[in-house]
Amino acid sequence: MSTIRNLKIKTSTCKRIVKELHSYEKEVEREAAKTADMKEKGADPYDLKQQENVLAESRMMIPDCHKRLEAALADLKATLAELEEVNQEGAEMDDARSTIADVERFLTKEA
C-alpha cells in the first residue's frame, strides 16, 4: 500500500534527478569548452588525453541519468495511481502531478 510519505519521496527523487541531469549537461559544456581551448593552445598530448577522458566520463553520465529519471517517473506515476484509487487528495498529490507533467515535458524536449 502506497502512502503519502512514499509519494513525497518519489516526487523529490524525480526533482533531484532532473537537477542532476542539468548539472551533468552544464559540466559537459564546460569540459568541452576546456578541451577545445586546450587543443587550440596546443596543450601537451598527455594532458589533452586526460581532459578528453574527463569529457567522455561526463557524457556517459547523461544517458544513465535519463534511464534513472524514466524509472523514477514510472515509479511516481504508479504510486500516484495507487493513491488516486483510494481517493487520496492533498497538496502532495498536486505536487506529484505537476512534477510528472514537468518531467514529461523535459523528457520530450530532450528527445
PDB file of N, CA and C in Angstrom:
ATOM      1  N   MET A   1       0.844  -1.193   0.000  1.00  0.00           N
ATOM      2  CA  MET A   1       0.000   0.000   0.000  1.00  0.00           C
ATOM      3  C   MET A   1       0.886   1.252   0.000  1.00  0.00           C
ATOM      4  N   SER A   2       0.663   2.101  -0.979  1.00  0.00           N
ATOM      5  CA  SER A   2       1.431   3.348  -1.058  1.00  0.00           C
ATOM      6  C   SER A   2       0.901   4.363  -0.064  1.00  0.00           C
ATOM      7  N   THR A   3       1.795   5.189   0.403  1.00  0.00           N
ATOM      8  CA  THR A   3       1.412   6.220   1.347  1.00  0.00           C
ATOM      9  C   THR A   3       1.815   7.584   0.800  1.00  0.00           C
ATOM     10  N   ILE A   4       1.305   8.624   1.430  1.00  0.00           N
ATOM     11  CA  ILE A   4       1.658   9.995   1.042  1.00  0.00           C
ATOM     12  C   ILE A   4       3.166  10.193   1.224  1.00  0.00           C
ATOM     13  N   ARG A   5       3.720   9.598   2.259  1.00  0.00           N
ATOM     14  CA  ARG A   5       5.162   9.724   2.511  1.00  0.00           C
ATOM     15  C   ARG A   5       5.959   9.161   1.334  1.00  0.00           C
ATOM     16  N   ASN A   6       5.542   7.978   0.832  1.00  0.00           N
ATOM     17  CA  ASN A   6       6.214   7.385  -0.330  1.00  0.00           C
ATOM     18  C   ASN A   6       6.095   8.296  -1.543  1.00  0.00           C
ATOM     19  N   LEU A   7       4.924   8.896  -1.704  1.00  0.00           N
ATOM     20  CA  LEU A   7       4.689   9.800  -2.829  1.00  0.00           C
ATOM     21  C   LEU A   7       5.628  11.004  -2.761  1.00  0.00           C
ATOM     22  N   LYS A   8       5.772  11.568  -1.561  1.00  0.00           N
ATOM     23  CA  LYS A   8       6.668  12.713  -1.390  1.00  0.00           C
ATOM     24  C   LYS A   8       8.113  12.335  -1.712  1.00  0.00           C
ATOM     25  N   ILE A   9       8.532  11.164  -1.278  1.00  0.00           N
ATOM     26  CA  ILE A   9       9.896  10.686  -1.539  1.00  0.00           C
ATOM     27  C   ILE A   9      10.111  10.519  -3.036  1.00  0.00           C
ATOM     28  N   LYS A  10       9.161   9.907  -3.715  1.00  0.00           N
ATOM     29  CA  LYS A  10       9.310   9.655  -5.151  1.00  0.00           C
ATOM     30  C   LYS A  10       9.244  10.954  -5.957  1.00  0.00           C
ATOM     31  N   THR A  11       8.447  11.900  -5.494  1.00  0.00           N
ATOM     32  CA  THR A  11       8.391  13.211  -6.147  1.00  0.00           C
ATOM     33  C   THR A  11       9.737  13.915  -6.001  1.00  0.00           C
ATOM     34  N   SER A  12      10.289  13.887  -4.809  1.00  0.00           N
ATOM     35  CA  SER A  12      11.596  14.508  -4.561  1.00  0.00           C
ATOM     36  C   SER A  12      12.702  13.829  -5.369  1.00  0.00           C
ATOM     37  N   THR A  13      12.608  12.521  -5.522  1.00  0.00           N
ATOM     38  CA  THR A  13      13.595  11.788  -6.304  1.00  0.00           C
ATOM     39  C   THR A  13      13.594  12.275  -7.750  1.00  0.00           C
ATOM     40  N   CYS A  14      12.409  12.428  -8.335  1.00  0.00           N
ATOM     41  CA  CYS A  14      12.319  12.916  -9.716  1.00  0.00           C
ATOM     42  C   CYS A  14      12.921  14.308  -9.837  1.00  0.00           C
ATOM     43  N   LYS A  15      12.604  15.172  -8.901  1.00  0.00           N
ATOM     44  CA  LYS A  15      13.132  16.542  -8.936  1.00  0.00           C
ATOM     45  C   LYS A  15      14.654  16.545  -8.818  1.00  0.00           C
ATOM     46  N   ARG A  16      15.191  15.695  -7.940  1.00  0.00           N
ATOM     47  CA  ARG A  16      16.637  15.626  -7.742  1.00  0.00           C
ATOM     48  C   ARG A  16      17.340  15.121  -8.995  1.00  0.00           C
ATOM     49  N   ILE A  17      16.781  14.120  -9.643  1.00  0.00           N
ATOM     50  CA  ILE A  17      17.414  13.568 -10.845  1.00  0.00           C
ATOM     51  C   ILE A  17      17.398  14.597 -11.978  1.00  0.00           C
ATOM     52  N   VAL A  18      16.345  15.382 -12.084  1.00  0.00           N
ATOM     53  CA  VAL A  18      16.300  16.443 -13.104  1.00  0.00           C
ATOM     54  C   VAL A  18      17.412  17.453 -12.841  1.00  0.00           C
ATOM     55  N   LYS A  19      17.588  17.845 -11.586  1.00  0.00           N
ATOM     56  CA  LYS A  19      18.671  18.775 -11.236  1.00  0.00           C
ATOM     57  C   LYS A  19      20.034  18.169 -11.566  1.00  0.00           C
ATOM     58  N   GLU A  20      20.181  16.897 -11.248  1.00  0.00           N
ATOM     59  CA  GLU A  20      21.437  16.198 -11.511  1.00  0.00           C
ATOM     60  C   GLU A  20      21.723  16.158 -13.015  1.00  0.00           C
ATOM     61  N   LEU A  21      20.690  15.914 -13.800  1.00  0.00           N
ATOM     62  CA  LEU A  21      20.842  15.868 -15.253  1.00  0.00           C
ATOM     63  C   LEU A  21      21.271  17.226 -15.797  1.00  0.00           C
ATOM     64  N   HIS A  22      20.642  18.289 -15.301  1.00  0.00           N
ATOM     65  CA  HIS A  22      21.040  19.643 -15.712  1.00  0.00           C
ATOM     66  C   HIS A  22      22.495  19.898 -15.350  1.00  0.00           C
ATOM     67  N   SER A  23      22.895  19.451 -14.190  1.00  0.00           N
ATOM     68  CA  SER A  23      24.264  19.636 -13.733  1.00  0.00           C
ATOM     69  C   SER A  23      25.251  18.930 -14.664  1.00  0.00           C
ATOM     70  N   TYR A  24      24.945  17.700 -15.059  1.00  0.00           N
ATOM     71  CA  TYR A  24      25.827  16.966 -15.967  1.00  0.00           C
ATOM     72  C   TYR A  24      25.885  17.639 -17.340  1.00  0.00           C
ATOM     73  N   GLU A  25      24.753  18.157 -17.803  1.00  0.00           N
ATOM     74  CA  GLU A  25      24.749  18.835 -19.102  1.00  0.00           C
ATOM     75  C   GLU A  25      25.636  20.083 -19.070  1.00  0.00           C
ATOM     76  N   LYS A  26      25.568  20.829 -17.978  1.00  0.00           N
ATOM     77  CA  LYS A  26      26.430  22.008 -17.837  1.00  0.00           C
ATOM     78  C   LYS A  26      27.899  21.600 -17.763  1.00  0.00           C
ATOM     79  N   GLU A  27      28.159  20.498 -17.044  1.00  0.00           N
ATOM     80  CA  GLU A  27      29.525  20.013 -16.913  1.00  0.00           C
ATOM     81  C   GLU A  27      30.094  19.610 -18.273  1.00  0.00           C
ATOM     82  N   VAL A  28      29.278  18.966 -19.103  1.00  0.00           N
ATOM     83  CA  VAL A  28      29.733  18.571 -20.441  1.00  0.00           C
ATOM     84  C   VAL A  28      30.077  19.814 -21.259  1.00  0.00           C
ATOM     85  N   GLU A  29      29.232  20.835 -21.187  1.00  0.00           N
ATOM     86  CA  GLU A  29      29.520  22.083 -21.914  1.00  0.00           C
ATOM     87  C   GLU A  29      30.842  22.683 -21.441  1.00  0.00           C
ATOM     88  N   ARG A  30      31.019  22.737 -20.138  1.00  0.00           N
ATOM     89  CA  ARG A  30      32.229  23.320 -19.549  1.00  0.00           C
ATOM     90  C   ARG A  30      33.474  22.530 -19.953  1.00  0.00           C
ATOM     91  N   GLU A  31      33.390  21.212 -19.858  1.00  0.00           N
ATOM     92  CA  GLU A  31      34.534  20.363 -20.196  1.00  0.00           C
ATOM     93  C   GLU A  31      34.831  20.390 -21.697  1.00  0.00           C
ATOM     94  N   ALA A  32      33.797  20.475 -22.521  1.00  0.00           N
ATOM     95  CA  ALA A  32      34.000  20.554 -23.971  1.00  0.00           C
ATOM     96  C   ALA A  32      34.722  21.854 -24.328  1.00  0.00           C
ATOM     97  N   ALA A  33      34.323  22.946 -23.680  1.00  0.00           N
ATOM     98  CA  ALA A  33      34.984  24.227 -23.927  1.00  0.00           C
ATOM     99  C   ALA A  33      36.445  24.167 -23.483  1.00  0.00           C
ATOM    100  N   LYS A  34      36.687  23.543 -22.351  1.00  0.00           N
ATOM    101  CA  LYS A  34      38.052  23.421 -21.838  1.00  0.00           C
ATOM    102  C   LYS A  34      38.910  22.562 -22.780  1.00  0.00           C
ATOM    103  N   THR A  35      38.328  21.474 -23.289  1.00  0.00           N
ATOM    104  CA  THR A  35      39.044  20.602 -24.223  1.00  0.00           C
ATOM    105  C   THR A  35      39.381  21.356 -25.510  1.00  0.00           C
ATOM    106  N   ALA A  36      38.405  22.085 -26.037  1.00  0.00           N
ATOM    107  CA  ALA A  36      38.632  22.866 -27.263  1.00  0.00           C
ATOM    108  C   ALA A  36      39.718  23.908 -27.041  1.00  0.00           C
ATOM    109  N   ASP A  37      39.707  24.538 -25.886  1.00  0.00           N
ATOM    110  CA  ASP A  37      40.712  25.552 -25.562  1.00  0.00           C
ATOM    111  C   ASP A  37      42.103  24.933 -25.486  1.00  0.00           C
ATOM    112  N   MET A  38      42.178  23.742 -24.878  1.00  0.00           N
ATOM    113  CA  MET A  38      43.468  23.062 -24.769  1.00  0.00           C
ATOM    114  C   MET A  38      44.006  22.683 -26.158  1.00  0.00           C
ATOM    115  N   LYS A  39      43.115  22.214 -27.042  1.00  0.00           N
ATOM    116  CA  LYS A  39      43.527  21.859 -28.400  1.00  0.00           C
ATOM    117  C   LYS A  39      44.037  23.093 -29.141  1.00  0.00           C
ATOM    118  N   GLU A  40      43.321  24.186 -28.969  1.00  0.00           N
ATOM    119  CA  GLU A  40      43.663  25.444 -29.638  1.00  0.00           C
ATOM    120  C   GLU A  40      45.031  25.956 -29.197  1.00  0.00           C
ATOM    121  N   LYS A  41      45.322  25.790 -27.917  1.00  0.00           N
ATOM    122  CA  LYS A  41      46.593  26.297 -27.372  1.00  0.00           C
ATOM    123  C   LYS A  41      47.740  25.303 -27.544  1.00  0.00           C
ATOM    124  N   GLY A  42      47.451  24.143 -28.125  1.00  0.00           N
ATOM    125  CA  GLY A  42      48.493  23.154 -28.353  1.00  0.00           C
ATOM    126  C   GLY A  42      49.021  22.542 -27.062  1.00  0.00           C
ATOM    127  N   ALA A  43      48.118  22.131 -26.206  1.00  0.00           N
ATOM    128  CA  ALA A  43      48.491  21.556 -24.904  1.00  0.00           C
ATOM    129  C   ALA A  43      49.240  20.233 -25.086  1.00  0.00           C
ATOM    130  N   ASP A  44      49.900  19.829 -24.034  1.00  0.00           N
ATOM    131  CA  ASP A  44      50.627  18.566 -24.001  1.00  0.00           C
ATOM    132  C   ASP A  44      49.655  17.425 -24.349  1.00  0.00           C
ATOM    133  N   PRO A  45      50.050  16.509 -25.247  1.00  0.00           N
ATOM    134  CA  PRO A  45      49.147  15.419 -25.648  1.00  0.00           C
ATOM    135  C   PRO A  45      48.618  14.589 -24.469  1.00  0.00           C
ATOM    136  N   TYR A  46      49.449  14.357 -23.466  1.00  0.00           N
ATOM    137  CA  TYR A  46      49.000  13.585 -22.303  1.00  0.00           C
ATOM    138  C   TYR A  46      47.886  14.331 -21.565  1.00  0.00           C
ATOM    139  N   ASP A  47      48.092  15.635 -21.329  1.00  0.00           N
ATOM    140  CA  ASP A  47      47.073  16.443 -20.639  1.00  0.00           C
ATOM    141  C   ASP A  47      45.786  16.499 -21.453  1.00  0.00           C
ATOM    142  N   LEU A  48      45.928  16.618 -22.760  1.00  0.00           N
ATOM    143  CA  LEU A  48      44.763  16.665 -23.639  1.00  0.00           C
ATOM    144  C   LEU A  48      43.993  15.340 -23.582  1.00  0.00           C
ATOM    145  N   LYS A  49      44.724  14.245 -23.574  1.00  0.00           N
ATOM    146  CA  LYS A  49      44.082  12.925 -23.496  1.00  0.00           C
ATOM    147  C   LYS A  49      43.326  12.769 -22.170  1.00  0.00           C
ATOM    148  N   GLN A  50      43.922  13.234 -21.087  1.00  0.00           N
ATOM    149  CA  GLN A  50      43.265  13.176 -19.776  1.00  0.00           C
ATOM    150  C   GLN A  50      41.983  14.008 -19.792  1.00  0.00           C
ATOM    151  N   GLN A  51      42.057  15.194 -20.394  1.00  0.00           N
ATOM    152  CA  GLN A  51      40.877  16.064 -20.462  1.00  0.00           C
ATOM    153  C   GLN A  51      39.785  15.421 -21.316  1.00  0.00           C
ATOM    154  N   GLU A  52      40.163  14.758 -22.394  1.00  0.00           N
ATOM    155  CA  GLU A  52      39.174  14.071 -23.233  1.00  0.00           C
ATOM    156  C   GLU A  52      38.513  12.928 -22.463  1.00  0.00           C
ATOM    157  N   ASN A  53      39.282  12.265 -21.594  1.00  0.00           N
ATOM    158  CA  ASN A  53      38.706  11.210 -20.750  1.00  0.00           C
ATOM    159  C   ASN A  53      37.689  11.784 -19.770  1.00  0.00           C
ATOM    160  N   VAL A  54      37.997  12.942 -19.194  1.00  0.00           N
ATOM    161  CA  VAL A  54      37.065  13.602 -18.265  1.00  0.00           C
ATOM    162  C   VAL A  54      35.776  13.948 -19.009  1.00  0.00           C
ATOM    163  N   LEU A  55      35.905  14.478 -20.218  1.00  0.00           N
ATOM    164  CA  LEU A  55      34.739  14.843 -21.033  1.00  0.00           C
ATOM    165  C   LEU A  55      33.908  13.596 -21.363  1.00  0.00           C
ATOM    166  N   ALA A  56      34.578  12.505 -21.722  1.00  0.00           N
ATOM    167  CA  ALA A  56      33.857  11.273 -22.055  1.00  0.00           C
ATOM    168  C   ALA A  56      33.085  10.730 -20.848  1.00  0.00           C
ATOM    169  N   GLU A  57      33.694  10.807 -19.673  1.00  0.00           N
ATOM    170  CA  GLU A  57      33.003  10.345 -18.457  1.00  0.00           C
ATOM    171  C   GLU A  57      31.765  11.186 -18.177  1.00  0.00           C
ATOM    172  N   SER A  58      31.883  12.483 -18.359  1.00  0.00           N
ATOM    173  CA  SER A  58      30.735  13.369 -18.142  1.00  0.00           C
ATOM    174  C   SER A  58      29.623  13.043 -19.127  1.00  0.00           C
ATOM    175  N   ARG A  59      29.990  12.786 -20.363  1.00  0.00           N
ATOM    176  CA  ARG A  59      28.978  12.456 -21.385  1.00  0.00           C
ATOM    177  C   ARG A  59      28.280  11.138 -21.076  1.00  0.00           C
ATOM    178  N   MET A  60      28.997  10.186 -20.490  1.00  0.00           N
ATOM    179  CA  MET A  60      28.414   8.876 -20.165  1.00  0.00           C
ATOM    180  C   MET A  60      27.344   8.992 -19.079  1.00  0.00           C
ATOM    181  N   MET A  61      27.447   9.991 -18.240  1.00  0.00           N
ATOM    182  CA  MET A  61      26.506  10.120 -17.133  1.00  0.00           C
ATOM    183  C   MET A  61      25.121  10.575 -17.598  1.00  0.00           C
ATOM    184  N   ILE A  62      25.044  11.268 -18.715  1.00  0.00           N
ATOM    185  CA  ILE A  62      23.751  11.794 -19.184  1.00  0.00           C
ATOM    186  C   ILE A  62      22.768  10.675 -19.530  1.00  0.00           C
ATOM    187  N   PRO A  63      23.147   9.676 -20.348  1.00  0.00           N
ATOM    188  CA  PRO A  63      22.192   8.590 -20.619  1.00  0.00           C
ATOM    189  C   PRO A  63      21.798   7.820 -19.350  1.00  0.00           C
ATOM    190  N   ASP A  64      22.755   7.651 -18.429  1.00  0.00           N
ATOM    191  CA  ASP A  64      22.466   6.981 -17.170  1.00  0.00           C
ATOM    192  C   ASP A  64      21.400   7.756 -16.385  1.00  0.00           C
ATOM    193  N   CYS A  65      21.556   9.063 -16.342  1.00  0.00           N
ATOM    194  CA  CYS A  65      20.576   9.908 -15.647  1.00  0.00           C
ATOM    195  C   CYS A  65      19.201   9.811 -16.304  1.00  0.00           C
ATOM    196  N   HIS A  66      19.186   9.781 -17.634  1.00  0.00           N
ATOM    197  CA  HIS A  66      17.907   9.655 -18.349  1.00  0.00           C
ATOM    198  C   HIS A  66      17.197   8.368 -17.964  1.00  0.00           C
ATOM    199  N   LYS A  67      17.948   7.265 -17.915  1.00  0.00           N
ATOM    200  CA  LYS A  67      17.343   5.980 -17.544  1.00  0.00           C
ATOM    201  C   LYS A  67      16.785   6.032 -16.131  1.00  0.00           C
ATOM    202  N   ARG A  68      17.568   6.593 -15.216  1.00  0.00           N
ATOM    203  CA  ARG A  68      17.104   6.677 -13.826  1.00  0.00           C
ATOM    204  C   ARG A  68      15.888   7.584 -13.705  1.00  0.00           C
ATOM    205  N   LEU A  69      15.866   8.658 -14.488  1.00  0.00           N
ATOM    206  CA  LEU A  69      14.726   9.579 -14.451  1.00  0.00           C
ATOM    207  C   LEU A  69      13.472   8.893 -14.985  1.00  0.00           C
ATOM    208  N   GLU A  70      13.611   8.147 -16.069  1.00  0.00           N
ATOM    209  CA  GLU A  70      12.453   7.440 -16.619  1.00  0.00           C
ATOM    210  C   GLU A  70      11.925   6.396 -15.627  1.00  0.00           C
ATOM    211  N   ALA A  71      12.826   5.696 -14.954  1.00  0.00           N
ATOM    212  CA  ALA A  71      12.410   4.702 -13.954  1.00  0.00           C
ATOM    213  C   ALA A  71      11.724   5.382 -12.772  1.00  0.00           C
ATOM    214  N   ALA A  72      12.291   6.499 -12.313  1.00  0.00           N
ATOM    215  CA  ALA A  72      11.703   7.228 -11.185  1.00  0.00           C
ATOM    216  C   ALA A  72      10.332   7.789 -11.555  1.00  0.00           C
ATOM    217  N   LEU A  73      10.197   8.253 -12.790  1.00  0.00           N
ATOM    218  CA  LEU A  73       8.917   8.781 -13.261  1.00  0.00           C
ATOM    219  C   LEU A  73       7.858   7.681 -13.282  1.00  0.00           C
ATOM    220  N   ALA A  74       8.212   6.519 -13.790  1.00  0.00           N
ATOM    221  CA  ALA A  74       7.275   5.395 -13.830  1.00  0.00           C
ATOM    222  C   ALA A  74       6.858   5.003 -12.410  1.00  0.00           C
ATOM    223  N   ASP A  75       7.799   4.990 -11.507  1.00  0.00           N
ATOM    224  CA  ASP A  75       7.534   4.663 -10.105  1.00  0.00           C
ATOM    225  C   ASP A  75       6.586   5.691  -9.476  1.00  0.00           C
ATOM    226  N   LEU A  76       6.842   6.960  -9.761  1.00  0.00           N
ATOM    227  CA  LEU A  76       5.986   8.033  -9.227  1.00  0.00           C
ATOM    228  C   LEU A  76       4.569   7.921  -9.781  1.00  0.00           C
ATOM    229  N   LYS A  77       4.453   7.648 -11.066  1.00  0.00           N
ATOM    230  CA  LYS A  77       3.121   7.502 -11.680  1.00  0.00           C
ATOM    231  C   LYS A  77       2.349   6.349 -11.051  1.00  0.00           C
ATOM    232  N   ALA A  78       3.038   5.235 -10.814  1.00  0.00           N
ATOM    233  CA  ALA A  78       2.381   4.067 -10.217  1.00  0.00           C
ATOM    234  C   ALA A  78       1.899   4.381  -8.801  1.00  0.00           C
ATOM    235  N   THR A  79       2.727   5.054  -8.034  1.00  0.00           N
ATOM    236  CA  THR A  79       2.358   5.413  -6.664  1.00  0.00           C
ATOM    237  C   THR A  79       1.179   6.378  -6.664  1.00  0.00           C
ATOM    238  N   LEU A  80       1.219   7.353  -7.561  1.00  0.00           N
ATOM    239  CA  LEU A  80       0.126   8.323  -7.663  1.00  0.00           C
ATOM    240  C   LEU A  80      -1.173   7.621  -8.050  1.00  0.00           C
ATOM    241  N   ALA A  81      -1.111   6.715  -9.004  1.00  0.00           N
ATOM    242  CA  ALA A  81      -2.304   5.980  -9.434  1.00  0.00           C
ATOM    243  C   ALA A  81      -2.895   5.165  -8.285  1.00  0.00           C
ATOM    244  N   GLU A  82      -2.024   4.540  -7.490  1.00  0.00           N
ATOM    245  CA  GLU A  82      -2.482   3.767  -6.336  1.00  0.00           C
ATOM    246  C   GLU A  82      -3.231   4.644  -5.338  1.00  0.00           C
ATOM    247  N   LEU A  83      -2.665   5.819  -5.084  1.00  0.00           N
ATOM    248  CA  LEU A  83      -3.304   6.720  -4.115  1.00  0.00           C
ATOM    249  C   LEU A  83      -4.588   7.327  -4.668  1.00  0.00           C
ATOM    250  N   GLU A  84      -4.642   7.524  -5.973  1.00  0.00           N
ATOM    251  CA  GLU A  84      -5.871   8.050  -6.583  1.00  0.00           C
ATOM    252  C   GLU A  84      -7.001   7.024  -6.495  1.00  0.00           C
ATOM    253  N   GLU A  85      -6.654   5.739  -6.535  1.00  0.00           N
ATOM    254  CA  GLU A  85      -7.660   4.683  -6.435  1.00  0.00           C
ATOM    255  C   GLU A  85      -8.381   4.715  -5.095  1.00  0.00           C
ATOM    256  N   VAL A  86      -7.674   5.127  -4.050  1.00  0.00           N
ATOM    257  CA  VAL A  86      -8.302   5.192  -2.729  1.00  0.00           C
ATOM    258  C   VAL A  86      -8.775   6.613  -2.413  1.00  0.00           C
ATOM    259  N   ASN A  87      -8.901   7.420  -3.468  1.00  0.00           N
ATOM    260  CA  ASN A  87      -9.409   8.789  -3.378  1.00  0.00           C
ATOM    261  C   ASN A  87      -8.640   9.666  -2.396  1.00  0.00           C
ATOM    262  N   GLN A  88      -7.366   9.506  -2.402  1.00  0.00           N
ATOM    263  CA  GLN A  88      -6.491  10.331  -1.572  1.00  0.00           C
ATOM    264  C   GLN A  88      -6.309  11.681  -2.286  1.00  0.00           C
ATOM    265  N   GLU A  89      -6.307  12.774  -1.551  1.00  0.00           N
ATOM    266  CA  GLU A  89      -6.079  14.099  -2.133  1.00  0.00           C
ATOM    267  C   GLU A  89      -5.221  14.922  -1.191  1.00  0.00           C
ATOM    268  N   GLY A  90      -4.676  16.001  -1.713  1.00  0.00           N
ATOM    269  CA  GLY A  90      -3.869  16.882  -0.881  1.00  0.00           C
ATOM    270  C   GLY A  90      -2.808  17.584  -1.711  1.00  0.00           C
ATOM    271  N   ALA A  91      -2.043  18.418  -1.044  1.00  0.00           N
ATOM    272  CA  ALA A  91      -1.003  19.196  -1.707  1.00  0.00           C
ATOM    273  C   ALA A  91       0.067  18.282  -2.307  1.00  0.00           C
ATOM    274  N   GLU A  92       0.338  17.174  -1.625  1.00  0.00           N
ATOM    275  CA  GLU A  92       1.348  16.238  -2.123  1.00  0.00           C
ATOM    276  C   GLU A  92       0.937  15.632  -3.453  1.00  0.00           C
ATOM    277  N   MET A  93      -0.343  15.357  -3.600  1.00  0.00           N
ATOM    278  CA  MET A  93      -0.874  14.801  -4.848  1.00  0.00           C
ATOM    279  C   MET A  93      -0.714  15.814  -5.982  1.00  0.00           C
ATOM    280  N   ASP A  94      -1.040  17.075  -5.699  1.00  0.00           N
ATOM    281  CA  ASP A  94      -0.903  18.124  -6.709  1.00  0.00           C
ATOM    282  C   ASP A  94       0.560  18.327  -7.095  1.00  0.00           C
ATOM    283  N   ASP A  95       1.440  18.283  -6.099  1.00  0.00           N
ATOM    284  CA  ASP A  95       2.871  18.423  -6.357  1.00  0.00           C
ATOM    285  C   ASP A  95       3.361  17.275  -7.239  1.00  0.00           C
ATOM    286  N   ALA A  96       2.902  16.068  -6.959  1.00  0.00           N
ATOM    287  CA  ALA A  96       3.299  14.902  -7.753  1.00  0.00           C
ATOM    288  C   ALA A  96       2.808  15.044  -9.194  1.00  0.00           C
ATOM    289  N   ARG A  97       1.576  15.490  -9.363  1.00  0.00           N
ATOM    290  CA  ARG A  97       1.034  15.672 -10.722  1.00  0.00           C
ATOM    291  C   ARG A  97       1.821  16.719 -11.498  1.00  0.00           C
ATOM    292  N   SER A  98       2.154  17.828 -10.844  1.00  0.00           N
ATOM    293  CA  SER A  98       2.901  18.871 -11.555  1.00  0.00           C
ATOM    294  C   SER A  98       4.322  18.404 -11.852  1.00  0.00           C
ATOM    295  N   THR A  99       4.923  17.630 -10.957  1.00  0.00           N
ATOM    296  CA  THR A  99       6.258  17.083 -11.202  1.00  0.00           C
ATOM    297  C   THR A  99       6.230  16.127 -12.388  1.00  0.00           C
ATOM    298  N   ILE A 100       5.217  15.279 -12.454  1.00  0.00           N
ATOM    299  CA  ILE A 100       5.079  14.354 -13.580  1.00  0.00           C
ATOM    300  C   ILE A 100       4.970  15.137 -14.887  1.00  0.00           C
ATOM    301  N   ALA A 101       4.142  16.176 -14.900  1.00  0.00           N
ATOM    302  CA  ALA A 101       3.982  16.981 -16.111  1.00  0.00           C
ATOM    303  C   ALA A 101       5.300  17.651 -16.499  1.00  0.00           C
ATOM    304  N   ASP A 102       6.012  18.200 -15.513  1.00  0.00           N
ATOM    305  CA  ASP A 102       7.294  18.860 -15.783  1.00  0.00           C
ATOM    306  C   ASP A 102       8.323  17.883 -16.342  1.00  0.00           C
ATOM    307  N   VAL A 103       8.421  16.715 -15.727  1.00  0.00           N
ATOM    308  CA  VAL A 103       9.407  15.722 -16.160  1.00  0.00           C
ATOM    309  C   VAL A 103       9.060  15.216 -17.565  1.00  0.00           C
ATOM    310  N   GLU A 104       7.786  14.991 -17.839  1.00  0.00           N
ATOM    311  CA  GLU A 104       7.389  14.515 -19.172  1.00  0.00           C
ATOM    312  C   GLU A 104       7.698  15.566 -20.234  1.00  0.00           C
ATOM    313  N   ARG A 105       7.451  16.849 -19.918  1.00  0.00           N
ATOM    314  CA  ARG A 105       7.799  17.922 -20.857  1.00  0.00           C
ATOM    315  C   ARG A 105       9.310  17.952 -21.083  1.00  0.00           C
ATOM    316  N   PHE A 106      10.057  17.812 -20.017  1.00  0.00           N
ATOM    317  CA  PHE A 106      11.523  17.814 -20.096  1.00  0.00           C
ATOM    318  C   PHE A 106      12.018  16.667 -20.964  1.00  0.00           C
ATOM    319  N   LEU A 107      11.474  15.467 -20.749  1.00  0.00           N
ATOM    320  CA  LEU A 107      11.925  14.303 -21.500  1.00  0.00           C
ATOM    321  C   LEU A 107      11.562  14.398 -22.981  1.00  0.00           C
ATOM    322  N   THR A 108      10.398  14.943 -23.301  1.00  0.00           N
ATOM    323  CA  THR A 108      10.031  15.090 -24.711  1.00  0.00           C
ATOM    324  C   THR A 108      10.876  16.165 -25.389  1.00  0.00           C
ATOM    325  N   LYS A 109      11.248  17.195 -24.633  1.00  0.00           N
ATOM    326  CA  LYS A 109      12.103  18.244 -25.172  1.00  0.00           C
ATOM    327  C   LYS A 109      13.497  17.698 -25.442  1.00  0.00           C
ATOM    328  N   GLU A 110      13.984  16.811 -24.592  1.00  0.00           N
ATOM    329  CA  GLU A 110      15.318  16.242 -24.729  1.00  0.00           C
ATOM    330  C   GLU A 110      15.385  15.243 -25.886  1.00  0.00           C
ATOM    331  N   ALA A 111      14.280  14.574 -26.171  1.00  0.00           N
ATOM    332  CA  ALA A 111      14.289  13.517 -27.195  1.00  0.00           C
ATOM    333  C   ALA A 111      14.421  14.039 -28.604  1.00  0.00           C
TER     334      ALA A 111
END
